[in-house]
Amino acid sequence: MTSHLEARGRLTRRAALASVAMAVALVGLKSWAAASTGSVAMLGSLADSALDLLASLVTLMGVGIAAQPADAEHRFGHGKAEAIAALLQTMLIGLSALAIGWRAGAAFAAPAAPAAPELGIGVSLAAIAATLALVSYQRKVAQATGSLAIHTDQLHYQSDLLLNVSVIAALLLDAGLGLRGADAAFGLFIALYLVTGAARSARAALDMLMDREWPAERRERLDKLLAGHRLAGGVHSLRTRTSGATDFIQFHLWLDPAMNVRDAHAVVDELERLIERGFPHAEILIHVDPAGNIDRDDQFFDTPEPNR
């Protein structure tokens, strides 16, 4: 488990460092372009990249903490640091959207043609190329590690692709075709898009922090795995959650009351090996009950009471 977390930590830290480096470069480039063009859409894209930098720094800190092994004070590990980092990112995205929306509203009241549109278009094309490379790398790392923080950061940069395309469209319509207000309209669209993406990311982070059960399709996969075992009928009170890179699975198991401790332990080991084949690196807790015993305090008991 420790070697798995160390390898995962190296991958997530590299992805976070690449994100920070990208954000620094884009902030510098877009600051120059926004000052030169006066474009609201470019200003919005700059504001988003500036908050990207803060979010990437938060991600770097979060994945660094999450990669630390369990210790005496955090015996379940530090995986939820990723969810906290992702939640902080969504707050920053929300602030960015509010600022862009306010600036777009002001531009609607006094529309003006952006200067040097070709500069803004060139900068946006360069940003698109660089962001595509980063998003591709982050997607591979997120798929390999299951990192919520990297996944949220990847979604953030995916929105940047749309932002840069919007900037190009706004500059072409406003400066090229003389459609005053197009720049402000795209700025408002960017703000709304950011709010929508932030809400989705916040939900995923809160689900992890609140120990939400696995999605139905993942639970069904676990159920099918257990159903193939000879003692599957005795599995009940199944609970699942995820914290960072670690899955937690726990359930009760009915066994013959006359079975000795050694044999019961062997059955539990057998079930753990079965689960680990389908869910590597999961933390598994199995509680043994005498067959037919029902915990009346468990409102989620999922096996019918046997006939007696």
C-alpha atoms as a PDB file:
ATOM      1  CA  MET A   1       0.000   0.000   0.000  1.00  0.00           C
ATOM      2  CA  THR A   2       2.814   2.418   0.929  1.00  0.00           C
ATOM      3  CA  SER A   3       4.685   1.882  -2.361  1.00  0.00           C
ATOM      4  CA  HIS A   4       1.418   2.400  -4.262  1.00  0.00           C
ATOM      5  CA  LEU A   5       0.826   5.721  -2.478  1.00  0.00           C
ATOM      6  CA  GLU A   6       4.425   6.828  -3.093  1.00  0.00           C
ATOM      7  CA  ALA A   7       4.201   6.092  -6.824  1.00  0.00           C
ATOM      8  CA  ARG A   8       0.836   7.826  -7.026  1.00  0.00           C
ATOM      9  CA  GLY A   9       2.225  10.812  -5.114  1.00  0.00           C
ATOM     10  CA  ARG A  10       5.092  11.216  -7.566  1.00  0.00           C
ATOM     11  CA  LEU A  11       2.687  11.252 -10.526  1.00  0.00           C
ATOM     12  CA  THR A  12       0.252  13.720  -8.972  1.00  0.00           C
ATOM     13  CA  ARG A  13       3.034  16.085  -7.856  1.00  0.00           C
ATOM     14  CA  ARG A  14       4.506  16.124 -11.377  1.00  0.00           C
ATOM     15  CA  ALA A  15       1.085  16.906 -12.840  1.00  0.00           C
ATOM     16  CA  ALA A  16       0.552  19.680 -10.280  1.00  0.00           C
ATOM     17  CA  LEU A  17       3.994  21.193 -10.977  1.00  0.00           C
ATOM     18  CA  ALA A  18       3.272  21.142 -14.729  1.00  0.00           C
ATOM     19  CA  SER A  19       0.012  22.960 -13.995  1.00  0.00           C
ATOM     20  CA  VAL A  20       1.788  25.651 -11.942  1.00  0.00           C
ATOM     21  CA  ALA A  21       4.397  26.211 -14.663  1.00  0.00           C
ATOM     22  CA  MET A  22       1.687  26.484 -17.314  1.00  0.00           C
ATOM     23  CA  ALA A  23      -0.334  28.970 -15.247  1.00  0.00           C
ATOM     24  CA  VAL A  24       2.706  31.222 -14.677  1.00  0.00           C
ATOM     25  CA  ALA A  25       3.451  31.317 -18.411  1.00  0.00           C
ATOM     26  CA  LEU A  26      -0.176  32.039 -19.365  1.00  0.00           C
ATOM     27  CA  VAL A  27      -0.598  34.809 -16.793  1.00  0.00           C
ATOM     28  CA  GLY A  28       2.433  36.616 -18.200  1.00  0.00           C
ATOM     29  CA  LEU A  29       1.330  36.190 -21.808  1.00  0.00           C
ATOM     30  CA  LYS A  30      -2.296  37.180 -21.237  1.00  0.00           C
ATOM     31  CA  SER A  31      -1.391  40.189 -19.077  1.00  0.00           C
ATOM     32  CA  TRP A  32       0.505  41.606 -22.034  1.00  0.00           C
ATOM     33  CA  ALA A  33      -2.345  40.777 -24.440  1.00  0.00           C
ATOM     34  CA  ALA A  34      -5.105  42.198 -22.182  1.00  0.00           C
ATOM     35  CA  ALA A  35      -3.199  45.458 -21.702  1.00  0.00           C
ATOM     36  CA  SER A  36      -2.572  45.738 -25.439  1.00  0.00           C
ATOM     37  CA  THR A  37      -6.092  44.900 -26.691  1.00  0.00           C
ATOM     38  CA  GLY A  38      -8.434  46.125 -23.938  1.00  0.00           C
ATOM     39  CA  SER A  39     -10.617  43.060 -24.688  1.00  0.00           C
ATOM     40  CA  VAL A  40     -13.117  42.071 -21.991  1.00  0.00           C
ATOM     41  CA  ALA A  41     -12.966  38.432 -23.116  1.00  0.00           C
ATOM     42  CA  MET A  42      -9.150  38.516 -22.945  1.00  0.00           C
ATOM     43  CA  LEU A  43      -9.365  40.157 -19.513  1.00  0.00           C
ATOM     44  CA  GLY A  44     -11.694  37.374 -18.439  1.00  0.00           C
ATOM     45  CA  SER A  45      -9.283  34.793 -19.750  1.00  0.00           C
ATOM     46  CA  LEU A  46      -6.444  36.518 -17.856  1.00  0.00           C
ATOM     47  CA  ALA A  47      -8.460  36.531 -14.625  1.00  0.00           C
ATOM     48  CA  ASP A  48      -9.161  32.847 -15.052  1.00  0.00           C
ATOM     49  CA  SER A  49      -5.468  32.078 -15.667  1.00  0.00           C
ATOM     50  CA  ALA A  50      -4.482  34.093 -12.584  1.00  0.00           C
ATOM     51  CA  LEU A  51      -6.879  32.031 -10.487  1.00  0.00           C
ATOM     52  CA  ASP A  52      -5.627  28.930 -12.291  1.00  0.00           C
ATOM     53  CA  LEU A  53      -2.236  29.728 -10.803  1.00  0.00           C
ATOM     54  CA  LEU A  54      -3.670  29.965  -7.280  1.00  0.00           C
ATOM     55  CA  ALA A  55      -5.711  26.803  -7.842  1.00  0.00           C
ATOM     56  CA  SER A  56      -2.666  24.949  -9.159  1.00  0.00           C
ATOM     57  CA  LEU A  57      -0.676  25.957  -6.088  1.00  0.00           C
ATOM     58  CA  VAL A  58      -3.524  24.679  -3.893  1.00  0.00           C
ATOM     59  CA  THR A  59      -3.535  21.447  -5.918  1.00  0.00           C
ATOM     60  CA  LEU A  60       0.216  21.056  -5.473  1.00  0.00           C
ATOM     61  CA  MET A  61      -0.166  21.442  -1.714  1.00  0.00           C
ATOM     62  CA  GLY A  62      -3.178  19.115  -1.601  1.00  0.00           C
ATOM     63  CA  VAL A  63      -1.607  16.238  -3.533  1.00  0.00           C
ATOM     64  CA  GLY A  64       1.572  16.620  -1.492  1.00  0.00           C
ATOM     65  CA  ILE A  65      -0.356  16.168   1.766  1.00  0.00           C
ATOM     66  CA  ALA A  66      -2.500  13.364   0.323  1.00  0.00           C
ATOM     67  CA  ALA A  67       0.638  11.434  -0.672  1.00  0.00           C
ATOM     68  CA  GLN A  68       1.785  11.219   2.934  1.00  0.00           C
ATOM     69  CA  PRO A  69       1.253   7.784   4.506  1.00  0.00           C
ATOM     70  CA  ALA A  70      -1.032   7.223   7.474  1.00  0.00           C
ATOM     71  CA  ASP A  71       0.405   8.264  10.814  1.00  0.00           C
ATOM     72  CA  ALA A  72      -0.554   8.105  14.484  1.00  0.00           C
ATOM     73  CA  GLU A  73      -2.873  11.111  14.178  1.00  0.00           C
ATOM     74  CA  HIS A  74      -4.328  10.280  10.734  1.00  0.00           C
ATOM     75  CA  ARG A  75      -4.723   6.516  10.737  1.00  0.00           C
ATOM     76  CA  PHE A  76      -6.961   6.503   7.673  1.00  0.00           C
ATOM     77  CA  GLY A  77      -4.360   8.457   5.702  1.00  0.00           C
ATOM     78  CA  HIS A  78      -4.445  11.991   4.278  1.00  0.00           C
ATOM     79  CA  GLY A  79      -6.474  11.351   1.100  1.00  0.00           C
ATOM     80  CA  LYS A  80      -9.175  13.909   1.879  1.00  0.00           C
ATOM     81  CA  ALA A  81      -6.609  16.684   1.435  1.00  0.00           C
ATOM     82  CA  GLU A  82      -7.295  16.282  -2.299  1.00  0.00           C
ATOM     83  CA  ALA A  83     -11.014  16.931  -1.801  1.00  0.00           C
ATOM     84  CA  ILE A  84     -10.233  20.032   0.268  1.00  0.00           C
ATOM     85  CA  ALA A  85      -7.885  21.266  -2.474  1.00  0.00           C
ATOM     86  CA  ALA A  86     -10.564  20.631  -5.103  1.00  0.00           C
ATOM     87  CA  LEU A  87     -13.147  22.517  -3.025  1.00  0.00           C
ATOM     88  CA  LEU A  88     -10.815  25.500  -2.642  1.00  0.00           C
ATOM     89  CA  GLN A  89     -10.305  25.467  -6.412  1.00  0.00           C
ATOM     90  CA  THR A  90     -14.056  25.725  -7.001  1.00  0.00           C
ATOM     91  CA  MET A  91     -14.237  28.756  -4.685  1.00  0.00           C
ATOM     92  CA  LEU A  92     -11.506  30.474  -6.687  1.00  0.00           C
ATOM     93  CA  ILE A  93     -13.295  29.621  -9.936  1.00  0.00           C
ATOM     94  CA  GLY A  94     -16.495  31.141  -8.542  1.00  0.00           C
ATOM     95  CA  LEU A  95     -14.705  34.382  -7.637  1.00  0.00           C
ATOM     96  CA  SER A  96     -13.222  34.530 -11.125  1.00  0.00           C
ATOM     97  CA  ALA A  97     -16.676  34.108 -12.677  1.00  0.00           C
ATOM     98  CA  LEU A  98     -18.129  36.948 -10.565  1.00  0.00           C
ATOM     99  CA  ALA A  99     -15.325  39.310 -11.578  1.00  0.00           C
ATOM    100  CA  ILE A 100     -15.685  38.461 -15.268  1.00  0.00           C
ATOM    101  CA  GLY A 101     -19.478  38.839 -15.139  1.00  0.00           C
ATOM    102  CA  TRP A 102     -19.210  42.254 -13.500  1.00  0.00           C
ATOM    103  CA  ARG A 103     -16.688  43.446 -16.093  1.00  0.00           C
ATOM    104  CA  ALA A 104     -18.858  42.117 -18.932  1.00  0.00           C
ATOM    105  CA  GLY A 105     -21.877  43.991 -17.576  1.00  0.00           C
ATOM    106  CA  ALA A 106     -19.881  47.215 -17.519  1.00  0.00           C
ATOM    107  CA  ALA A 107     -18.740  46.610 -21.114  1.00  0.00           C
ATOM    108  CA  PHE A 108     -22.360  46.168 -22.262  1.00  0.00           C
ATOM    109  CA  ALA A 109     -23.123  49.638 -20.911  1.00  0.00           C
ATOM    110  CA  ALA A 110     -20.231  51.224 -22.817  1.00  0.00           C
ATOM    111  CA  PRO A 111     -19.140  48.929 -25.690  1.00  0.00           C
ATOM    112  CA  ALA A 112     -15.825  49.688 -27.377  1.00  0.00           C
ATOM    113  CA  ALA A 113     -13.854  47.946 -30.080  1.00  0.00           C
ATOM    114  CA  PRO A 114     -10.796  46.107 -28.722  1.00  0.00           C
ATOM    115  CA  ALA A 115      -7.418  47.281 -29.960  1.00  0.00           C
ATOM    116  CA  ALA A 116      -4.885  45.071 -31.765  1.00  0.00           C
ATOM    117  CA  PRO A 117      -7.233  42.072 -32.147  1.00  0.00           C
ATOM    118  CA  GLU A 118      -4.581  40.117 -34.038  1.00  0.00           C
ATOM    119  CA  LEU A 119      -2.406  40.140 -30.907  1.00  0.00           C
ATOM    120  CA  GLY A 120      -5.213  38.741 -28.785  1.00  0.00           C
ATOM    121  CA  ILE A 121      -5.935  36.040 -31.365  1.00  0.00           C
ATOM    122  CA  GLY A 122      -2.261  35.038 -31.580  1.00  0.00           C
ATOM    123  CA  VAL A 123      -1.912  34.817 -27.804  1.00  0.00           C
ATOM    124  CA  SER A 124      -5.108  32.748 -27.563  1.00  0.00           C
ATOM    125  CA  LEU A 125      -3.887  30.309 -30.222  1.00  0.00           C
ATOM    126  CA  ALA A 126      -0.611  29.846 -28.325  1.00  0.00           C
ATOM    127  CA  ALA A 127      -2.539  29.308 -25.087  1.00  0.00           C
ATOM    128  CA  ILE A 128      -4.755  26.685 -26.761  1.00  0.00           C
ATOM    129  CA  ALA A 129      -1.747  24.690 -27.985  1.00  0.00           C
ATOM    130  CA  ALA A 130      -0.044  24.754 -24.581  1.00  0.00           C
ATOM    131  CA  THR A 131      -3.255  23.940 -22.695  1.00  0.00           C
ATOM    132  CA  LEU A 132      -4.029  20.966 -24.949  1.00  0.00           C
ATOM    133  CA  ALA A 133      -0.656  19.456 -24.044  1.00  0.00           C
ATOM    134  CA  LEU A 134      -1.223  20.007 -20.313  1.00  0.00           C
ATOM    135  CA  VAL A 135      -4.789  18.646 -20.333  1.00  0.00           C
ATOM    136  CA  SER A 136      -3.664  15.523 -22.174  1.00  0.00           C
ATOM    137  CA  TYR A 137      -0.973  14.878 -19.551  1.00  0.00           C
ATOM    138  CA  GLN A 138      -3.315  15.606 -16.634  1.00  0.00           C
ATOM    139  CA  ARG A 139      -5.960  13.254 -18.059  1.00  0.00           C
ATOM    140  CA  LYS A 140      -3.449  10.397 -18.141  1.00  0.00           C
ATOM    141  CA  VAL A 141      -2.367  11.087 -14.563  1.00  0.00           C
ATOM    142  CA  ALA A 142      -5.970  11.382 -13.333  1.00  0.00           C
ATOM    143  CA  GLN A 143      -6.885   8.077 -14.984  1.00  0.00           C
ATOM    144  CA  ALA A 144      -3.823   6.359 -13.563  1.00  0.00           C
ATOM    145  CA  THR A 145      -4.206   7.690 -10.003  1.00  0.00           C
ATOM    146  CA  GLY A 146      -7.899   8.515  -9.552  1.00  0.00           C
ATOM    147  CA  SER A 147      -6.833  11.867  -8.065  1.00  0.00           C
ATOM    148  CA  LEU A 148      -9.813  14.188  -7.505  1.00  0.00           C
ATOM    149  CA  ALA A 149      -7.554  17.249  -7.208  1.00  0.00           C
ATOM    150  CA  ILE A 150      -5.816  16.556 -10.535  1.00  0.00           C
ATOM    151  CA  HIS A 151      -9.162  15.728 -12.161  1.00  0.00           C
ATOM    152  CA  THR A 152     -10.621  19.069 -10.993  1.00  0.00           C
ATOM    153  CA  ASP A 153      -7.508  20.904 -12.172  1.00  0.00           C
ATOM    154  CA  GLN A 154      -7.843  19.148 -15.534  1.00  0.00           C
ATOM    155  CA  LEU A 155     -11.483  20.260 -15.808  1.00  0.00           C
ATOM    156  CA  HIS A 156     -10.345  23.775 -14.996  1.00  0.00           C
ATOM    157  CA  TYR A 157      -7.865  23.783 -17.854  1.00  0.00           C
ATOM    158  CA  GLN A 158     -10.391  22.178 -20.177  1.00  0.00           C
ATOM    159  CA  SER A 159     -12.546  25.235 -19.549  1.00  0.00           C
ATOM    160  CA  ASP A 160      -9.542  27.340 -20.545  1.00  0.00           C
ATOM    161  CA  LEU A 161      -9.695  25.801 -24.002  1.00  0.00           C
ATOM    162  CA  LEU A 162     -13.245  27.097 -24.356  1.00  0.00           C
ATOM    163  CA  LEU A 163     -12.239  30.457 -22.911  1.00  0.00           C
ATOM    164  CA  ASN A 164      -9.501  30.916 -25.482  1.00  0.00           C
ATOM    165  CA  VAL A 165     -11.761  29.874 -28.351  1.00  0.00           C
ATOM    166  CA  SER A 166     -14.316  32.382 -27.041  1.00  0.00           C
ATOM    167  CA  VAL A 167     -11.714  35.130 -26.968  1.00  0.00           C
ATOM    168  CA  ILE A 168     -10.844  34.467 -30.621  1.00  0.00           C
ATOM    169  CA  ALA A 169     -14.512  34.456 -31.625  1.00  0.00           C
ATOM    170  CA  ALA A 170     -15.218  37.636 -29.671  1.00  0.00           C
ATOM    171  CA  LEU A 171     -12.305  39.505 -31.233  1.00  0.00           C
ATOM    172  CA  LEU A 172     -13.237  38.397 -34.747  1.00  0.00           C
ATOM    173  CA  LEU A 173     -16.902  39.395 -34.333  1.00  0.00           C
ATOM    174  CA  ASP A 174     -16.261  42.640 -32.490  1.00  0.00           C
ATOM    175  CA  ALA A 175     -13.190  44.013 -34.229  1.00  0.00           C
ATOM    176  CA  GLY A 176     -13.457  42.184 -37.552  1.00  0.00           C
ATOM    177  CA  LEU A 177     -17.198  42.407 -38.251  1.00  0.00           C
ATOM    178  CA  GLY A 178     -18.026  45.423 -36.118  1.00  0.00           C
ATOM    179  CA  LEU A 179     -20.553  43.579 -33.916  1.00  0.00           C
ATOM    180  CA  ARG A 180     -20.284  45.774 -30.826  1.00  0.00           C
ATOM    181  CA  GLY A 181     -21.086  43.906 -27.636  1.00  0.00           C
ATOM    182  CA  ALA A 182     -19.883  40.523 -28.903  1.00  0.00           C
ATOM    183  CA  ASP A 183     -16.779  40.785 -26.718  1.00  0.00           C
ATOM    184  CA  ALA A 184     -18.877  41.494 -23.609  1.00  0.00           C
ATOM    185  CA  ALA A 185     -21.366  38.740 -24.520  1.00  0.00           C
ATOM    186  CA  PHE A 186     -18.593  36.155 -24.712  1.00  0.00           C
ATOM    187  CA  GLY A 187     -17.217  37.435 -21.412  1.00  0.00           C
ATOM    188  CA  LEU A 188     -20.609  36.808 -19.806  1.00  0.00           C
ATOM    189  CA  PHE A 189     -20.801  33.345 -21.384  1.00  0.00           C
ATOM    190  CA  ILE A 190     -17.373  32.527 -19.939  1.00  0.00           C
ATOM    191  CA  ALA A 191     -18.551  33.573 -16.462  1.00  0.00           C
ATOM    192  CA  LEU A 192     -21.632  31.340 -16.660  1.00  0.00           C
ATOM    193  CA  TYR A 193     -19.582  28.399 -17.920  1.00  0.00           C
ATOM    194  CA  LEU A 194     -17.123  28.777 -15.049  1.00  0.00           C
ATOM    195  CA  VAL A 195     -19.942  28.806 -12.474  1.00  0.00           C
ATOM    196  CA  THR A 196     -21.415  25.607 -13.927  1.00  0.00           C
ATOM    197  CA  GLY A 197     -18.066  23.804 -13.894  1.00  0.00           C
ATOM    198  CA  ALA A 198     -17.332  24.991 -10.339  1.00  0.00           C
ATOM    199  CA  ALA A 199     -20.671  23.604  -9.117  1.00  0.00           C
ATOM    200  CA  ARG A 200     -19.932  20.160 -10.605  1.00  0.00           C
ATOM    201  CA  SER A 201     -16.445  20.056  -9.088  1.00  0.00           C
ATOM    202  CA  ALA A 202     -17.707  21.220  -5.697  1.00  0.00           C
ATOM    203  CA  ARG A 203     -20.266  18.405  -5.650  1.00  0.00           C
ATOM    204  CA  ALA A 204     -17.565  15.779  -6.275  1.00  0.00           C
ATOM    205  CA  ALA A 205     -15.338  17.236  -3.522  1.00  0.00           C
ATOM    206  CA  LEU A 206     -18.196  17.390  -1.014  1.00  0.00           C
ATOM    207  CA  ASP A 207     -19.195  13.809  -1.839  1.00  0.00           C
ATOM    208  CA  MET A 208     -15.712  12.642  -0.836  1.00  0.00           C
ATOM    209  CA  LEU A 209     -15.610  14.782   2.303  1.00  0.00           C
ATOM    210  CA  MET A 210     -19.061  13.512   3.347  1.00  0.00           C
ATOM    211  CA  ASP A 211     -18.100   9.853   2.697  1.00  0.00           C
ATOM    212  CA  ARG A 212     -20.759   9.402   0.048  1.00  0.00           C
ATOM    213  CA  GLU A 213     -21.420   5.819  -1.050  1.00  0.00           C
ATOM    214  CA  TRP A 214     -19.881   4.691  -4.324  1.00  0.00           C
ATOM    215  CA  PRO A 215     -21.865   5.313  -7.527  1.00  0.00           C
ATOM    216  CA  ALA A 216     -24.464   2.650  -8.299  1.00  0.00           C
ATOM    217  CA  GLU A 217     -22.486   1.070 -11.146  1.00  0.00           C
ATOM    218  CA  ARG A 218     -19.410   0.644  -8.933  1.00  0.00           C
ATOM    219  CA  ARG A 219     -21.462  -0.833  -6.104  1.00  0.00           C
ATOM    220  CA  GLU A 220     -23.029  -3.256  -8.588  1.00  0.00           C
ATOM    221  CA  ARG A 221     -19.568  -4.367  -9.709  1.00  0.00           C
ATOM    222  CA  LEU A 222     -18.655  -5.104  -6.095  1.00  0.00           C
ATOM    223  CA  ASP A 223     -21.968  -6.924  -5.553  1.00  0.00           C
ATOM    224  CA  LYS A 224     -21.341  -9.130  -8.598  1.00  0.00           C
ATOM    225  CA  LEU A 225     -17.832  -9.915  -7.370  1.00  0.00           C
ATOM    226  CA  LEU A 226     -19.143 -10.992  -3.958  1.00  0.00           C
ATOM    227  CA  ALA A 227     -22.061 -12.901  -5.499  1.00  0.00           C
ATOM    228  CA  GLY A 228     -19.616 -15.412  -6.951  1.00  0.00           C
ATOM    229  CA  HIS A 229     -18.450 -16.471  -3.500  1.00  0.00           C
ATOM    230  CA  ARG A 230     -19.890 -19.536  -1.805  1.00  0.00           C
ATOM    231  CA  LEU A 231     -20.845 -17.488   1.286  1.00  0.00           C
ATOM    232  CA  ALA A 232     -22.308 -14.533  -0.584  1.00  0.00           C
ATOM    233  CA  GLY A 233     -25.715 -15.016   1.045  1.00  0.00           C
ATOM    234  CA  GLY A 234     -24.194 -14.084   4.365  1.00  0.00           C
ATOM    235  CA  VAL A 235     -22.864 -10.692   3.253  1.00  0.00           C
ATOM    236  CA  HIS A 236     -24.884  -7.741   4.577  1.00  0.00           C
ATOM    237  CA  SER A 237     -24.590  -4.157   5.875  1.00  0.00           C
ATOM    238  CA  LEU A 238     -22.228  -3.285   3.010  1.00  0.00           C
ATOM    239  CA  ARG A 239     -20.702   0.192   3.185  1.00  0.00           C
ATOM    240  CA  THR A 240     -18.301   1.895   0.767  1.00  0.00           C
ATOM    241  CA  ARG A 241     -16.474   5.202   0.531  1.00  0.00           C
ATOM    242  CA  THR A 242     -13.391   6.716  -1.088  1.00  0.00           C
ATOM    243  CA  SER A 243     -10.753   8.993   0.406  1.00  0.00           C
ATOM    244  CA  GLY A 244      -8.144  10.253  -2.039  1.00  0.00           C
ATOM    245  CA  ALA A 245      -6.631   7.195  -3.715  1.00  0.00           C
ATOM    246  CA  THR A 246      -7.967   4.715  -1.170  1.00  0.00           C
ATOM    247  CA  ASP A 247     -11.249   2.825  -1.353  1.00  0.00           C
ATOM    248  CA  PHE A 248     -12.824   1.630   1.880  1.00  0.00           C
ATOM    249  CA  ILE A 249     -15.116  -1.412   1.898  1.00  0.00           C
ATOM    250  CA  GLN A 250     -16.756  -2.867   4.975  1.00  0.00           C
ATOM    251  CA  PHE A 251     -19.535  -5.351   5.600  1.00  0.00           C
ATOM    252  CA  HIS A 252     -20.842  -7.986   7.994  1.00  0.00           C
ATOM    253  CA  LEU A 253     -20.639 -11.691   7.208  1.00  0.00           C
ATOM    254  CA  TRP A 254     -22.821 -14.459   8.584  1.00  0.00           C
ATOM    255  CA  LEU A 255     -20.893 -17.600   9.516  1.00  0.00           C
ATOM    256  CA  ASP A 256     -21.799 -20.809  11.293  1.00  0.00           C
ATOM    257  CA  PRO A 257     -21.877 -20.036  15.062  1.00  0.00           C
ATOM    258  CA  ALA A 258     -20.048 -23.321  15.685  1.00  0.00           C
ATOM    259  CA  MET A 259     -17.111 -22.354  13.422  1.00  0.00           C
ATOM    260  CA  ASN A 260     -13.833 -21.841  15.290  1.00  0.00           C
ATOM    261  CA  VAL A 261     -11.846 -18.617  15.098  1.00  0.00           C
ATOM    262  CA  ARG A 262      -9.133 -20.096  12.862  1.00  0.00           C
ATOM    263  CA  ASP A 263     -11.636 -21.225  10.216  1.00  0.00           C
ATOM    264  CA  ALA A 264     -13.564 -17.949  10.376  1.00  0.00           C
ATOM    265  CA  HIS A 265     -10.311 -16.056   9.872  1.00  0.00           C
ATOM    266  CA  ALA A 266      -9.492 -18.195   6.835  1.00  0.00           C
ATOM    267  CA  VAL A 267     -12.889 -17.374   5.281  1.00  0.00           C
ATOM    268  CA  VAL A 268     -12.335 -13.653   5.843  1.00  0.00           C
ATOM    269  CA  ASP A 269      -8.879 -13.853   4.235  1.00  0.00           C
ATOM    270  CA  GLU A 270     -10.403 -15.649   1.255  1.00  0.00           C
ATOM    271  CA  LEU A 271     -13.010 -12.911   0.790  1.00  0.00           C
ATOM    272  CA  GLU A 272     -10.393 -10.165   1.108  1.00  0.00           C
ATOM    273  CA  ARG A 273      -8.259 -11.741  -1.628  1.00  0.00           C
ATOM    274  CA  LEU A 274     -11.336 -11.986  -3.853  1.00  0.00           C
ATOM    275  CA  ILE A 275     -12.175  -8.298  -3.380  1.00  0.00           C
ATOM    276  CA  GLU A 276      -8.576  -7.163  -3.869  1.00  0.00           C
ATOM    277  CA  ARG A 277      -8.545  -8.731  -7.344  1.00  0.00           C
ATOM    278  CA  GLY A 278     -11.330  -6.404  -8.428  1.00  0.00           C
ATOM    279  CA  PHE A 279     -10.444  -3.408  -6.235  1.00  0.00           C
ATOM    280  CA  PRO A 280      -6.664  -3.257  -5.730  1.00  0.00           C
ATOM    281  CA  HIS A 281      -5.326  -1.288  -2.753  1.00  0.00           C
ATOM    282  CA  ALA A 282      -8.755  -1.108  -1.083  1.00  0.00           C
ATOM    283  CA  GLU A 283      -8.974  -1.091   2.708  1.00  0.00           C
ATOM    284  CA  ILE A 284     -11.336  -3.943   3.628  1.00  0.00           C
ATOM    285  CA  LEU A 285     -13.039  -4.487   6.985  1.00  0.00           C
ATOM    286  CA  ILE A 286     -15.182  -7.605   7.493  1.00  0.00           C
ATOM    287  CA  HIS A 287     -17.158  -8.121  10.698  1.00  0.00           C
ATOM    288  CA  VAL A 288     -18.177 -11.713  11.452  1.00  0.00           C
ATOM    289  CA  ASP A 289     -21.680 -12.373  12.832  1.00  0.00           C
ATOM    290  CA  PRO A 290     -23.283 -15.660  13.920  1.00  0.00           C
ATOM    291  CA  ALA A 291     -25.577 -16.751  11.074  1.00  0.00           C
ATOM    292  CA  GLY A 292     -29.025 -15.185  11.422  1.00  0.00           C
ATOM    293  CA  ASN A 293     -27.888 -12.454  13.799  1.00  0.00           C
ATOM    294  CA  ILE A 294     -29.348  -9.046  12.892  1.00  0.00           C
ATOM    295  CA  ASP A 295     -28.155  -5.712  14.252  1.00  0.00           C
ATOM    296  CA  ARG A 296     -31.409  -3.866  14.821  1.00  0.00           C
ATOM    297  CA  ASP A 297     -29.564  -0.533  14.945  1.00  0.00           C
ATOM    298  CA  ASP A 298     -28.519  -0.891  11.303  1.00  0.00           C
ATOM    299  CA  GLN A 299     -31.252   0.819   9.263  1.00  0.00           C
ATOM    300  CA  PHE A 300     -29.482  -0.124   6.016  1.00  0.00           C
ATOM    301  CA  PHE A 301     -29.495  -3.858   6.652  1.00  0.00           C
ATOM    302  CA  ASP A 302     -29.683  -5.301   3.151  1.00  0.00           C
ATOM    303  CA  THR A 303     -30.279  -9.033   3.666  1.00  0.00           C
ATOM    304  CA  PRO A 304     -33.764 -10.306   4.571  1.00  0.00           C
ATOM    305  CA  GLU A 305     -34.200 -11.936   7.937  1.00  0.00           C
ATOM    306  CA  PRO A 306     -34.008 -15.728   7.506  1.00  0.00           C
ATOM    307  CA  ASN A 307     -36.917 -18.014   8.306  1.00  0.00           C
ATOM    308  CA  ARG A 308     -36.590 -19.696  11.660  1.00  0.00           C
END
